[in-house]
N, C-alpha and C. Protein backbone atom coordinates (compact mmCIF):
# COMPACT_ATOMS: atom_id res chain seq x y z
N MET A 1 0.82 -1.20 0.00
CA MET A 1 0.00 0.00 0.00
C MET A 1 0.86 1.26 0.00
N ALA A 2 2.00 1.25 0.68
CA ALA A 2 2.85 2.43 0.74
C ALA A 2 3.34 2.83 -0.65
N LEU A 3 3.72 1.84 -1.44
CA LEU A 3 4.18 2.15 -2.80
C LEU A 3 3.05 2.70 -3.66
N ARG A 4 1.86 2.18 -3.46
CA ARG A 4 0.70 2.69 -4.20
C ARG A 4 0.40 4.14 -3.79
N PHE A 5 0.55 4.45 -2.50
CA PHE A 5 0.33 5.80 -1.99
C PHE A 5 1.37 6.76 -2.59
N LEU A 6 2.64 6.37 -2.59
CA LEU A 6 3.69 7.22 -3.16
C LEU A 6 3.48 7.45 -4.65
N ALA A 7 3.07 6.42 -5.36
CA ALA A 7 2.79 6.57 -6.79
C ALA A 7 1.62 7.52 -7.02
N ALA A 8 0.62 7.46 -6.15
CA ALA A 8 -0.53 8.36 -6.27
C ALA A 8 -0.12 9.81 -6.00
N ILE A 9 0.76 10.00 -5.04
CA ILE A 9 1.26 11.36 -4.76
C ILE A 9 2.01 11.88 -5.97
N ASP A 10 2.91 11.07 -6.52
CA ASP A 10 3.66 11.50 -7.71
C ASP A 10 2.73 11.88 -8.85
N ARG A 11 1.76 11.04 -9.11
CA ARG A 11 0.80 11.28 -10.20
C ARG A 11 0.01 12.57 -9.95
N THR A 12 -0.42 12.78 -8.71
CA THR A 12 -1.20 13.97 -8.37
C THR A 12 -0.36 15.24 -8.50
N VAL A 13 0.87 15.20 -8.01
CA VAL A 13 1.74 16.38 -8.10
C VAL A 13 2.07 16.70 -9.55
N GLU A 14 2.29 15.69 -10.36
CA GLU A 14 2.52 15.93 -11.79
C GLU A 14 1.32 16.63 -12.43
N GLY A 15 0.12 16.20 -12.06
CA GLY A 15 -1.09 16.85 -12.57
C GLY A 15 -1.21 18.29 -12.10
N LEU A 16 -0.84 18.54 -10.85
CA LEU A 16 -0.89 19.90 -10.32
C LEU A 16 0.15 20.79 -10.99
N ALA A 17 1.30 20.23 -11.32
CA ALA A 17 2.33 21.02 -12.00
C ALA A 17 1.83 21.50 -13.35
N GLY A 18 1.01 20.69 -14.01
CA GLY A 18 0.44 21.08 -15.30
C GLY A 18 -0.72 22.04 -15.18
N GLN A 19 -1.46 21.96 -14.09
CA GLN A 19 -2.62 22.83 -13.85
C GLN A 19 -2.63 23.27 -12.38
N PRO A 20 -1.72 24.13 -11.97
CA PRO A 20 -1.59 24.46 -10.55
C PRO A 20 -2.77 25.21 -9.94
N MET A 21 -3.57 25.87 -10.77
CA MET A 21 -4.69 26.64 -10.22
C MET A 21 -5.94 25.81 -9.98
N LYS A 22 -5.90 24.51 -10.30
CA LYS A 22 -7.11 23.70 -10.11
C LYS A 22 -7.36 23.39 -8.64
N GLY A 23 -6.36 23.53 -7.80
CA GLY A 23 -6.55 23.29 -6.37
C GLY A 23 -7.36 24.40 -5.72
N ARG A 24 -7.98 24.06 -4.63
CA ARG A 24 -8.80 25.02 -3.88
C ARG A 24 -7.90 26.00 -3.13
N LEU A 25 -8.14 27.29 -3.33
CA LEU A 25 -7.41 28.31 -2.59
C LEU A 25 -7.91 28.31 -1.15
N ARG A 26 -7.02 28.10 -0.21
CA ARG A 26 -7.39 28.04 1.20
C ARG A 26 -7.31 29.44 1.81
N ARG A 27 -8.15 29.69 2.77
CA ARG A 27 -8.18 30.99 3.44
C ARG A 27 -7.89 30.78 4.93
N PHE A 28 -6.61 30.83 5.27
CA PHE A 28 -6.18 30.69 6.65
C PHE A 28 -5.83 32.06 7.20
N ARG A 29 -5.94 32.20 8.49
CA ARG A 29 -5.48 33.44 9.13
C ARG A 29 -3.97 33.40 9.22
N GLY A 30 -3.37 34.55 9.06
CA GLY A 30 -1.91 34.64 9.17
C GLY A 30 -1.27 34.84 7.81
N SER A 31 -0.39 35.82 7.74
CA SER A 31 0.26 36.15 6.48
C SER A 31 1.19 35.04 5.99
N ASP A 32 1.65 34.19 6.89
CA ASP A 32 2.54 33.10 6.48
C ASP A 32 1.79 31.97 5.77
N LEU A 33 0.46 32.03 5.75
CA LEU A 33 -0.33 30.98 5.13
C LEU A 33 -1.11 31.47 3.91
N LYS A 34 -0.66 32.56 3.30
CA LYS A 34 -1.33 33.09 2.11
C LYS A 34 -0.96 32.29 0.87
N SER A 35 -1.84 32.29 -0.09
CA SER A 35 -1.64 31.68 -1.40
C SER A 35 -1.47 30.16 -1.35
N ILE A 36 -1.96 29.53 -0.31
CA ILE A 36 -1.87 28.07 -0.21
C ILE A 36 -3.12 27.46 -0.84
N ARG A 37 -2.90 26.44 -1.65
CA ARG A 37 -3.98 25.70 -2.29
C ARG A 37 -3.93 24.26 -1.81
N SER A 38 -5.03 23.55 -2.00
CA SER A 38 -5.05 22.13 -1.64
C SER A 38 -5.75 21.34 -2.72
N TRP A 39 -5.37 20.06 -2.80
CA TRP A 39 -5.96 19.13 -3.76
C TRP A 39 -5.86 17.73 -3.18
N ARG A 40 -6.85 16.93 -3.41
CA ARG A 40 -6.86 15.55 -2.90
C ARG A 40 -5.88 14.67 -3.67
N VAL A 41 -5.25 13.76 -2.93
CA VAL A 41 -4.36 12.79 -3.56
C VAL A 41 -5.22 11.80 -4.36
N ASP A 42 -4.85 11.57 -5.62
CA ASP A 42 -5.59 10.63 -6.46
C ASP A 42 -5.73 9.27 -5.76
N ASP A 43 -6.94 8.76 -5.71
CA ASP A 43 -7.26 7.45 -5.13
C ASP A 43 -7.09 7.36 -3.61
N PHE A 44 -6.73 8.45 -2.96
CA PHE A 44 -6.62 8.52 -1.50
C PHE A 44 -7.32 9.82 -1.05
N GLU A 45 -8.62 9.86 -1.17
CA GLU A 45 -9.40 11.08 -1.00
C GLU A 45 -9.30 11.70 0.39
N ASN A 46 -8.87 10.93 1.39
CA ASN A 46 -8.75 11.48 2.74
C ASN A 46 -7.45 12.26 2.94
N TYR A 47 -6.58 12.27 1.95
CA TYR A 47 -5.30 12.96 2.06
C TYR A 47 -5.28 14.15 1.12
N LEU A 48 -4.77 15.27 1.64
CA LEU A 48 -4.69 16.51 0.87
C LEU A 48 -3.25 16.93 0.69
N ILE A 49 -2.95 17.44 -0.49
CA ILE A 49 -1.65 18.05 -0.76
C ILE A 49 -1.84 19.55 -0.63
N PHE A 50 -1.06 20.18 0.21
CA PHE A 50 -1.07 21.63 0.36
C PHE A 50 0.15 22.17 -0.37
N TYR A 51 -0.07 23.19 -1.20
CA TYR A 51 1.01 23.68 -2.05
C TYR A 51 0.83 25.16 -2.36
N ARG A 52 1.92 25.75 -2.85
CA ARG A 52 1.92 27.09 -3.41
C ARG A 52 2.43 26.99 -4.83
N ALA A 53 1.84 27.77 -5.71
CA ALA A 53 2.26 27.76 -7.11
C ALA A 53 2.74 29.15 -7.50
N THR A 54 3.88 29.19 -8.15
CA THR A 54 4.38 30.43 -8.74
C THR A 54 4.60 30.15 -10.23
N LYS A 55 5.03 31.15 -10.97
CA LYS A 55 5.30 30.95 -12.39
C LYS A 55 6.45 29.96 -12.60
N GLU A 56 7.37 29.92 -11.64
CA GLU A 56 8.56 29.10 -11.79
C GLU A 56 8.43 27.69 -11.23
N ARG A 57 7.59 27.51 -10.20
CA ARG A 57 7.58 26.20 -9.55
C ARG A 57 6.31 25.93 -8.77
N LEU A 58 6.18 24.67 -8.40
CA LEU A 58 5.11 24.22 -7.52
C LEU A 58 5.78 23.76 -6.23
N GLU A 59 5.47 24.40 -5.14
CA GLU A 59 6.08 24.08 -3.84
C GLU A 59 5.09 23.26 -3.01
N VAL A 60 5.37 21.99 -2.83
CA VAL A 60 4.53 21.15 -1.98
C VAL A 60 4.93 21.41 -0.54
N LEU A 61 3.98 21.87 0.26
CA LEU A 61 4.25 22.22 1.65
C LEU A 61 4.06 21.03 2.58
N ARG A 62 2.94 20.36 2.43
CA ARG A 62 2.62 19.22 3.30
C ARG A 62 1.62 18.31 2.59
N ILE A 63 1.60 17.08 3.01
CA ILE A 63 0.56 16.14 2.64
C ILE A 63 -0.03 15.67 3.95
N LYS A 64 -1.31 15.95 4.15
CA LYS A 64 -1.94 15.71 5.45
C LYS A 64 -3.25 14.95 5.30
N HIS A 65 -3.58 14.22 6.33
CA HIS A 65 -4.88 13.57 6.41
C HIS A 65 -5.94 14.65 6.62
N GLY A 66 -7.10 14.45 6.07
CA GLY A 66 -8.16 15.45 6.12
C GLY A 66 -8.64 15.82 7.50
N ALA A 67 -8.35 15.02 8.52
CA ALA A 67 -8.81 15.31 9.88
C ALA A 67 -7.83 16.18 10.67
N MET A 68 -6.72 16.57 10.07
CA MET A 68 -5.70 17.35 10.78
C MET A 68 -6.15 18.80 11.00
N ASP A 69 -5.50 19.45 11.96
CA ASP A 69 -5.66 20.88 12.19
C ASP A 69 -4.75 21.58 11.18
N PHE A 70 -5.30 22.00 10.06
CA PHE A 70 -4.48 22.47 8.95
C PHE A 70 -3.59 23.66 9.25
N PRO A 71 -4.09 24.76 9.80
CA PRO A 71 -3.20 25.89 10.00
C PRO A 71 -1.98 25.53 10.85
N GLN A 72 -2.17 24.81 11.91
CA GLN A 72 -1.05 24.44 12.78
C GLN A 72 -0.09 23.49 12.04
N ALA A 73 -0.63 22.57 11.31
CA ALA A 73 0.21 21.59 10.61
C ALA A 73 1.00 22.21 9.47
N LEU A 74 0.53 23.33 8.92
CA LEU A 74 1.21 23.95 7.79
C LEU A 74 2.31 24.93 8.20
N ARG A 75 2.29 25.39 9.41
CA ARG A 75 3.29 26.35 9.84
C ARG A 75 4.64 25.66 9.98
N ARG A 76 5.65 26.32 9.50
CA ARG A 76 7.00 25.76 9.59
C ARG A 76 7.53 25.94 11.00
N LYS A 77 8.11 24.89 11.49
CA LYS A 77 8.72 24.95 12.82
C LYS A 77 10.19 25.29 12.65
N GLU A 78 10.62 26.32 13.33
CA GLU A 78 12.02 26.78 13.19
C GLU A 78 12.86 26.24 14.31
């Protein structure tokens, strides 16, 4: 199952790289969480990929289960 999950993540990220705006724009409080989008992992609907898209790249921030506390889980720990 782990290999199937990793393959699904790769497939989903490749799709997002081709169409980065298809993900849902999230509205979190805090300036550090602006411009974050999310999209479900193909065939694993309970998991979300959180990312930022620019003209140059797609930055995957986290892959989280749908039951997580998203704002806290997305903040970078220094």
